[in-house]
Amino acid sequence: MISVTELRKGTVFSAKGGSASGGAQEGPYVVLEYRHIKVGRGAANIKVKVKDLKSGSTLEKTFMSGASVEEAEVVRKKVQYLYSDDKNLYFMDPQTFEQFGVSKTIAKDAAKLLKEGAETVLLMFQNEPISIELPLKVDLKVVETPPGEKGDTKQGGSKEATLETGYKLQVPLFVGVGEIVQVNTETGDYAGRAS
């Protein structure tokens, strides 16, 4: 058990649910933001913005200052992305060479930013995959984009590009086919040219 005052960005925990869930364990959650709120003479409240690692939804939870939560046993497993089909993404454990599928509902948008052979981290909770942890930026090749016209700024100086994974995003006019660009995995936006 850890005190709610020790919750910081990146901490993974589970909590007892309210009466609606019959007091069952909820989570695991990963902390995105932490706020300690003290009002007058009353007890302090701890507000945390969390991401539910099973559903992917973001929500806010409030705890009384003296409360405790259970630290979740989340295992980070290095894996290599192989390929995908209609329902699953397939990975391989690089040490045991075991291959396994992960449902696209768990993978969410990660499928659009993973190229074959890419190494990533799979988060496991009670031996079940719950989330794919991508690096902050990934490098992907531009396979299709219209040529950029000099002085053409009527669209804000950007154009649509299709990357090697099929993902589409807005890039600056100077980016051409064959270039490697960086994509921010949190926002899905162009983050610059790969160095």
C-alpha atoms as a PDB file:
ATOM      1  CA  MET A   1       0.000   0.000   0.000  1.00  0.00           C
ATOM      2  CA  ILE A   2       1.161   3.516  -0.755  1.00  0.00           C
ATOM      3  CA  SER A   3      -0.161   6.798   0.583  1.00  0.00           C
ATOM      4  CA  VAL A   4      -2.042   8.944  -1.937  1.00  0.00           C
ATOM      5  CA  THR A   5       0.368  11.782  -1.093  1.00  0.00           C
ATOM      6  CA  GLU A   6       3.127   9.669  -2.728  1.00  0.00           C
ATOM      7  CA  LEU A   7       1.328   9.434  -6.076  1.00  0.00           C
ATOM      8  CA  ARG A   8       3.410  11.113  -8.755  1.00  0.00           C
ATOM      9  CA  LYS A   9       3.360  11.179 -12.557  1.00  0.00           C
ATOM     10  CA  GLY A  10       4.012   7.677 -13.900  1.00  0.00           C
ATOM     11  CA  THR A  11       2.991   5.808 -10.699  1.00  0.00           C
ATOM     12  CA  VAL A  12       0.763   2.802 -11.406  1.00  0.00           C
ATOM     13  CA  PHE A  13      -1.841   1.866  -8.787  1.00  0.00           C
ATOM     14  CA  SER A  14      -5.203   0.189  -8.253  1.00  0.00           C
ATOM     15  CA  ALA A  15      -7.898   1.321  -5.814  1.00  0.00           C
ATOM     16  CA  LYS A  16     -10.986  -0.043  -4.101  1.00  0.00           C
ATOM     17  CA  GLY A  17     -14.119   1.015  -5.956  1.00  0.00           C
ATOM     18  CA  GLY A  18     -17.099   2.757  -4.444  1.00  0.00           C
ATOM     19  CA  SER A  19     -20.440   1.193  -3.536  1.00  0.00           C
ATOM     20  CA  ALA A  20     -21.459   1.057  -7.225  1.00  0.00           C
ATOM     21  CA  SER A  21     -18.674  -1.437  -7.928  1.00  0.00           C
ATOM     22  CA  GLY A  22     -19.247  -3.353  -4.693  1.00  0.00           C
ATOM     23  CA  GLY A  23     -15.839  -2.384  -3.311  1.00  0.00           C
ATOM     24  CA  ALA A  24     -14.032  -4.329  -6.055  1.00  0.00           C
ATOM     25  CA  GLN A  25     -10.521  -3.458  -7.228  1.00  0.00           C
ATOM     26  CA  GLU A  26     -10.454  -0.825  -9.950  1.00  0.00           C
ATOM     27  CA  GLY A  27      -7.582  -0.105 -12.277  1.00  0.00           C
ATOM     28  CA  PRO A  28      -4.761  -0.326 -12.842  1.00  0.00           C
ATOM     29  CA  TYR A  29      -4.331   3.400 -13.367  1.00  0.00           C
ATOM     30  CA  VAL A  30      -1.258   5.398 -14.297  1.00  0.00           C
ATOM     31  CA  VAL A  31      -0.966   8.918 -12.837  1.00  0.00           C
ATOM     32  CA  LEU A  32      -0.808  11.705 -15.438  1.00  0.00           C
ATOM     33  CA  GLU A  33      -1.135  14.728 -13.092  1.00  0.00           C
ATOM     34  CA  TYR A  34      -1.087  15.205  -9.299  1.00  0.00           C
ATOM     35  CA  ARG A  35      -2.591  18.070  -7.244  1.00  0.00           C
ATOM     36  CA  HIS A  36      -2.646  18.554  -3.465  1.00  0.00           C
ATOM     37  CA  ILE A  37      -5.555  20.816  -2.490  1.00  0.00           C
ATOM     38  CA  LYS A  38      -5.860  22.292   1.015  1.00  0.00           C
ATOM     39  CA  VAL A  39      -8.905  24.424   1.748  1.00  0.00           C
ATOM     40  CA  GLY A  40      -9.149  26.372   5.017  1.00  0.00           C
ATOM     41  CA  ARG A  41      -9.268  24.239   8.148  1.00  0.00           C
ATOM     42  CA  GLY A  42     -10.658  21.165   6.425  1.00  0.00           C
ATOM     43  CA  ALA A  43      -8.760  18.063   5.412  1.00  0.00           C
ATOM     44  CA  ALA A  44      -6.619  18.197   2.310  1.00  0.00           C
ATOM     45  CA  ASN A  45      -7.721  16.473  -0.873  1.00  0.00           C
ATOM     46  CA  ILE A  46      -5.499  14.766  -3.401  1.00  0.00           C
ATOM     47  CA  LYS A  47      -6.707  15.048  -7.004  1.00  0.00           C
ATOM     48  CA  VAL A  48      -5.060  12.930  -9.635  1.00  0.00           C
ATOM     49  CA  LYS A  49      -5.699  12.766 -13.343  1.00  0.00           C
ATOM     50  CA  VAL A  50      -5.239   9.120 -14.315  1.00  0.00           C
ATOM     51  CA  LYS A  51      -5.397   6.885 -17.358  1.00  0.00           C
ATOM     52  CA  ASP A  52      -7.190   3.573 -16.933  1.00  0.00           C
ATOM     53  CA  LEU A  53      -4.714   1.102 -18.454  1.00  0.00           C
ATOM     54  CA  LYS A  54      -7.458  -1.412 -19.325  1.00  0.00           C
ATOM     55  CA  SER A  55      -9.909   0.895 -21.079  1.00  0.00           C
ATOM     56  CA  GLY A  56      -7.537   3.689 -22.091  1.00  0.00           C
ATOM     57  CA  SER A  57      -9.945   6.329 -20.740  1.00  0.00           C
ATOM     58  CA  THR A  58      -8.707   9.355 -18.815  1.00  0.00           C
ATOM     59  CA  LEU A  59     -10.469  10.377 -15.610  1.00  0.00           C
ATOM     60  CA  GLU A  60      -9.993  12.329 -12.396  1.00  0.00           C
ATOM     61  CA  LYS A  61      -9.932  10.682  -8.993  1.00  0.00           C
ATOM     62  CA  THR A  62     -10.117  12.456  -5.638  1.00  0.00           C
ATOM     63  CA  PHE A  63      -8.798  11.001  -2.367  1.00  0.00           C
ATOM     64  CA  MET A  64      -8.762  12.257   1.215  1.00  0.00           C
ATOM     65  CA  SER A  65      -5.251  13.104   2.406  1.00  0.00           C
ATOM     66  CA  GLY A  66      -4.820  10.048   4.690  1.00  0.00           C
ATOM     67  CA  ALA A  67      -6.035   7.455   2.166  1.00  0.00           C
ATOM     68  CA  SER A  68      -3.941   4.650   0.693  1.00  0.00           C
ATOM     69  CA  VAL A  69      -4.010   2.824  -2.616  1.00  0.00           C
ATOM     70  CA  GLU A  70      -2.470  -0.432  -3.705  1.00  0.00           C
ATOM     71  CA  GLU A  71       0.629  -0.253  -5.860  1.00  0.00           C
ATOM     72  CA  ALA A  72      -0.176  -2.250  -8.991  1.00  0.00           C
ATOM     73  CA  GLU A  73       2.188  -4.986 -10.079  1.00  0.00           C
ATOM     74  CA  VAL A  74       2.641  -3.964 -13.701  1.00  0.00           C
ATOM     75  CA  VAL A  75       5.368  -5.771 -15.615  1.00  0.00           C
ATOM     76  CA  ARG A  76       7.065  -4.034 -18.526  1.00  0.00           C
ATOM     77  CA  LYS A  77       8.031  -6.596 -21.158  1.00  0.00           C
ATOM     78  CA  LYS A  78      10.259  -5.722 -24.131  1.00  0.00           C
ATOM     79  CA  VAL A  79       8.771  -7.060 -27.353  1.00  0.00           C
ATOM     80  CA  GLN A  80       9.294  -6.782 -31.093  1.00  0.00           C
ATOM     81  CA  TYR A  81       6.368  -5.912 -33.350  1.00  0.00           C
ATOM     82  CA  LEU A  82       5.894  -8.402 -36.201  1.00  0.00           C
ATOM     83  CA  TYR A  83       2.633  -7.728 -38.086  1.00  0.00           C
ATOM     84  CA  SER A  84      -1.117  -7.212 -37.667  1.00  0.00           C
ATOM     85  CA  ASP A  85      -4.386  -8.596 -38.990  1.00  0.00           C
ATOM     86  CA  ASP A  86      -8.000  -7.434 -38.614  1.00  0.00           C
ATOM     87  CA  LYS A  87      -8.203  -8.232 -34.874  1.00  0.00           C
ATOM     88  CA  ASN A  88      -4.690  -8.440 -33.397  1.00  0.00           C
ATOM     89  CA  LEU A  89      -1.168  -7.074 -33.396  1.00  0.00           C
ATOM     90  CA  TYR A  90       1.480  -9.800 -33.227  1.00  0.00           C
ATOM     91  CA  PHE A  91       4.642  -9.507 -31.169  1.00  0.00           C
ATOM     92  CA  MET A  92       7.655 -11.649 -30.361  1.00  0.00           C
ATOM     93  CA  ASP A  93       9.571 -11.921 -27.112  1.00  0.00           C
ATOM     94  CA  PRO A  94      13.192 -11.314 -28.282  1.00  0.00           C
ATOM     95  CA  GLN A  95      14.610 -13.632 -25.600  1.00  0.00           C
ATOM     96  CA  THR A  96      12.325 -16.675 -25.881  1.00  0.00           C
ATOM     97  CA  PHE A  97      11.194 -16.058 -29.508  1.00  0.00           C
ATOM     98  CA  GLU A  98       7.637 -16.783 -28.339  1.00  0.00           C
ATOM     99  CA  GLN A  99       5.042 -15.110 -30.587  1.00  0.00           C
ATOM    100  CA  PHE A 100       1.667 -13.877 -29.355  1.00  0.00           C
ATOM    101  CA  GLY A 101      -1.221 -11.632 -30.366  1.00  0.00           C
ATOM    102  CA  VAL A 102      -2.574  -8.546 -28.606  1.00  0.00           C
ATOM    103  CA  SER A 103      -6.089  -7.334 -29.355  1.00  0.00           C
ATOM    104  CA  LYS A 104      -6.350  -4.098 -31.341  1.00  0.00           C
ATOM    105  CA  THR A 105      -8.749  -2.800 -28.656  1.00  0.00           C
ATOM    106  CA  ILE A 106      -5.806  -2.861 -26.221  1.00  0.00           C
ATOM    107  CA  ALA A 107      -3.355  -1.484 -28.788  1.00  0.00           C
ATOM    108  CA  LYS A 108      -5.574   1.535 -29.576  1.00  0.00           C
ATOM    109  CA  ASP A 109      -3.632   3.975 -31.804  1.00  0.00           C
ATOM    110  CA  ALA A 110      -0.261   2.238 -31.355  1.00  0.00           C
ATOM    111  CA  ALA A 111      -0.930   0.125 -34.459  1.00  0.00           C
ATOM    112  CA  LYS A 112      -0.767   3.239 -36.652  1.00  0.00           C
ATOM    113  CA  LEU A 113       2.692   4.171 -35.359  1.00  0.00           C
ATOM    114  CA  LEU A 114       4.425   0.781 -35.183  1.00  0.00           C
ATOM    115  CA  LYS A 115       6.430  -0.472 -38.129  1.00  0.00           C
ATOM    116  CA  GLU A 116       7.454  -4.096 -38.592  1.00  0.00           C
ATOM    117  CA  GLY A 117      10.527  -4.995 -36.555  1.00  0.00           C
ATOM    118  CA  ALA A 118      10.131  -2.070 -34.132  1.00  0.00           C
ATOM    119  CA  GLU A 119      10.937  -2.753 -30.490  1.00  0.00           C
ATOM    120  CA  THR A 120       8.465  -1.511 -27.912  1.00  0.00           C
ATOM    121  CA  VAL A 121       7.268  -2.245 -24.372  1.00  0.00           C
ATOM    122  CA  LEU A 122       4.140  -4.185 -23.497  1.00  0.00           C
ATOM    123  CA  LEU A 123       2.572  -3.489 -20.084  1.00  0.00           C
ATOM    124  CA  MET A 124       1.315  -6.661 -18.398  1.00  0.00           C
ATOM    125  CA  PHE A 125      -1.049  -6.803 -15.400  1.00  0.00           C
ATOM    126  CA  GLN A 126      -1.740 -10.222 -13.849  1.00  0.00           C
ATOM    127  CA  ASN A 127      -0.087 -11.839 -16.923  1.00  0.00           C
ATOM    128  CA  GLU A 128      -2.519 -10.094 -19.302  1.00  0.00           C
ATOM    129  CA  PRO A 129      -1.404  -7.380 -21.758  1.00  0.00           C
ATOM    130  CA  ILE A 130      -3.116  -4.095 -20.898  1.00  0.00           C
ATOM    131  CA  SER A 131      -1.275  -1.454 -22.906  1.00  0.00           C
ATOM    132  CA  ILE A 132       1.512  -0.766 -25.371  1.00  0.00           C
ATOM    133  CA  GLU A 133       4.072   1.791 -24.238  1.00  0.00           C
ATOM    134  CA  LEU A 134       5.522   3.620 -27.231  1.00  0.00           C
ATOM    135  CA  PRO A 135       8.583   5.862 -27.085  1.00  0.00           C
ATOM    136  CA  LEU A 136       7.767   9.598 -27.065  1.00  0.00           C
ATOM    137  CA  LYS A 137       8.772   9.899 -30.740  1.00  0.00           C
ATOM    138  CA  VAL A 138       8.960   7.379 -33.573  1.00  0.00           C
ATOM    139  CA  ASP A 139      10.716   7.739 -36.930  1.00  0.00           C
ATOM    140  CA  LEU A 140       8.617   6.833 -39.974  1.00  0.00           C
ATOM    141  CA  LYS A 141       9.144   7.192 -43.732  1.00  0.00           C
ATOM    142  CA  VAL A 142       6.874   9.388 -45.883  1.00  0.00           C
ATOM    143  CA  VAL A 143       5.482   7.261 -48.742  1.00  0.00           C
ATOM    144  CA  GLU A 144       2.978   9.685 -50.238  1.00  0.00           C
ATOM    145  CA  THR A 145       2.552  13.453 -50.173  1.00  0.00           C
ATOM    146  CA  PRO A 146       1.828  16.093 -52.803  1.00  0.00           C
ATOM    147  CA  PRO A 147       4.723  18.349 -53.829  1.00  0.00           C
ATOM    148  CA  GLY A 148       4.921  21.564 -51.808  1.00  0.00           C
ATOM    149  CA  GLU A 149       4.482  24.775 -53.779  1.00  0.00           C
ATOM    150  CA  LYS A 150       6.736  27.693 -52.869  1.00  0.00           C
ATOM    151  CA  GLY A 151       4.685  30.469 -51.384  1.00  0.00           C
ATOM    152  CA  ASP A 152       1.609  28.230 -51.025  1.00  0.00           C
ATOM    153  CA  THR A 153       0.499  29.094 -47.490  1.00  0.00           C
ATOM    154  CA  LYS A 154      -3.271  29.127 -47.959  1.00  0.00           C
ATOM    155  CA  GLN A 155      -3.465  25.911 -45.885  1.00  0.00           C
ATOM    156  CA  GLY A 156      -1.254  27.200 -43.093  1.00  0.00           C
ATOM    157  CA  GLY A 157       1.958  25.987 -44.702  1.00  0.00           C
ATOM    158  CA  SER A 158       1.229  22.279 -44.283  1.00  0.00           C
ATOM    159  CA  LYS A 159       0.050  19.333 -46.351  1.00  0.00           C
ATOM    160  CA  GLU A 160      -1.123  15.787 -45.695  1.00  0.00           C
ATOM    161  CA  ALA A 161       1.405  12.958 -45.814  1.00  0.00           C
ATOM    162  CA  THR A 162       0.924   9.193 -45.648  1.00  0.00           C
ATOM    163  CA  LEU A 163       3.586   7.311 -43.692  1.00  0.00           C
ATOM    164  CA  GLU A 164       4.870   3.762 -44.214  1.00  0.00           C
ATOM    165  CA  THR A 165       2.409   2.398 -41.628  1.00  0.00           C
ATOM    166  CA  GLY A 166      -0.566   3.985 -43.420  1.00  0.00           C
ATOM    167  CA  TYR A 167      -0.883   6.729 -40.803  1.00  0.00           C
ATOM    168  CA  LYS A 168      -1.788  10.171 -42.200  1.00  0.00           C
ATOM    169  CA  LEU A 169      -0.765  13.489 -40.659  1.00  0.00           C
ATOM    170  CA  GLN A 170      -0.035  17.121 -41.510  1.00  0.00           C
ATOM    171  CA  VAL A 171       3.601  17.941 -42.355  1.00  0.00           C
ATOM    172  CA  PRO A 172       5.327  21.174 -43.464  1.00  0.00           C
ATOM    173  CA  LEU A 173       5.392  21.939 -47.203  1.00  0.00           C
ATOM    174  CA  PHE A 174       9.130  21.153 -47.508  1.00  0.00           C
ATOM    175  CA  VAL A 175       8.728  17.467 -46.509  1.00  0.00           C
ATOM    176  CA  GLY A 176       8.911  15.142 -49.509  1.00  0.00           C
ATOM    177  CA  VAL A 177       8.393  11.474 -50.352  1.00  0.00           C
ATOM    178  CA  GLY A 178      11.162   9.234 -48.996  1.00  0.00           C
ATOM    179  CA  GLU A 179      12.046  11.479 -46.044  1.00  0.00           C
ATOM    180  CA  ILE A 180      12.050  10.137 -42.498  1.00  0.00           C
ATOM    181  CA  VAL A 181       9.973  12.221 -40.079  1.00  0.00           C
ATOM    182  CA  GLN A 182       9.467  12.052 -36.331  1.00  0.00           C
ATOM    183  CA  VAL A 183       5.942  11.620 -34.979  1.00  0.00           C
ATOM    184  CA  ASN A 184       4.977  12.507 -31.401  1.00  0.00           C
ATOM    185  CA  THR A 185       3.216   9.342 -30.141  1.00  0.00           C
ATOM    186  CA  GLU A 186       1.177  11.213 -27.510  1.00  0.00           C
ATOM    187  CA  THR A 187      -0.392  13.669 -29.946  1.00  0.00           C
ATOM    188  CA  GLY A 188       0.099  11.911 -33.302  1.00  0.00           C
ATOM    189  CA  ASP A 189       1.549  15.144 -34.733  1.00  0.00           C
ATOM    190  CA  TYR A 190       4.645  15.877 -36.826  1.00  0.00           C
ATOM    191  CA  ALA A 191       7.606  16.504 -34.502  1.00  0.00           C
ATOM    192  CA  GLY A 192      10.381  17.250 -36.999  1.00  0.00           C
ATOM    193  CA  ARG A 193      12.734  15.528 -39.397  1.00  0.00           C
ATOM    194  CA  ALA A 194      14.610  12.505 -38.113  1.00  0.00           C
ATOM    195  CA  SER A 195      18.302  13.216 -37.599  1.00  0.00           C
END
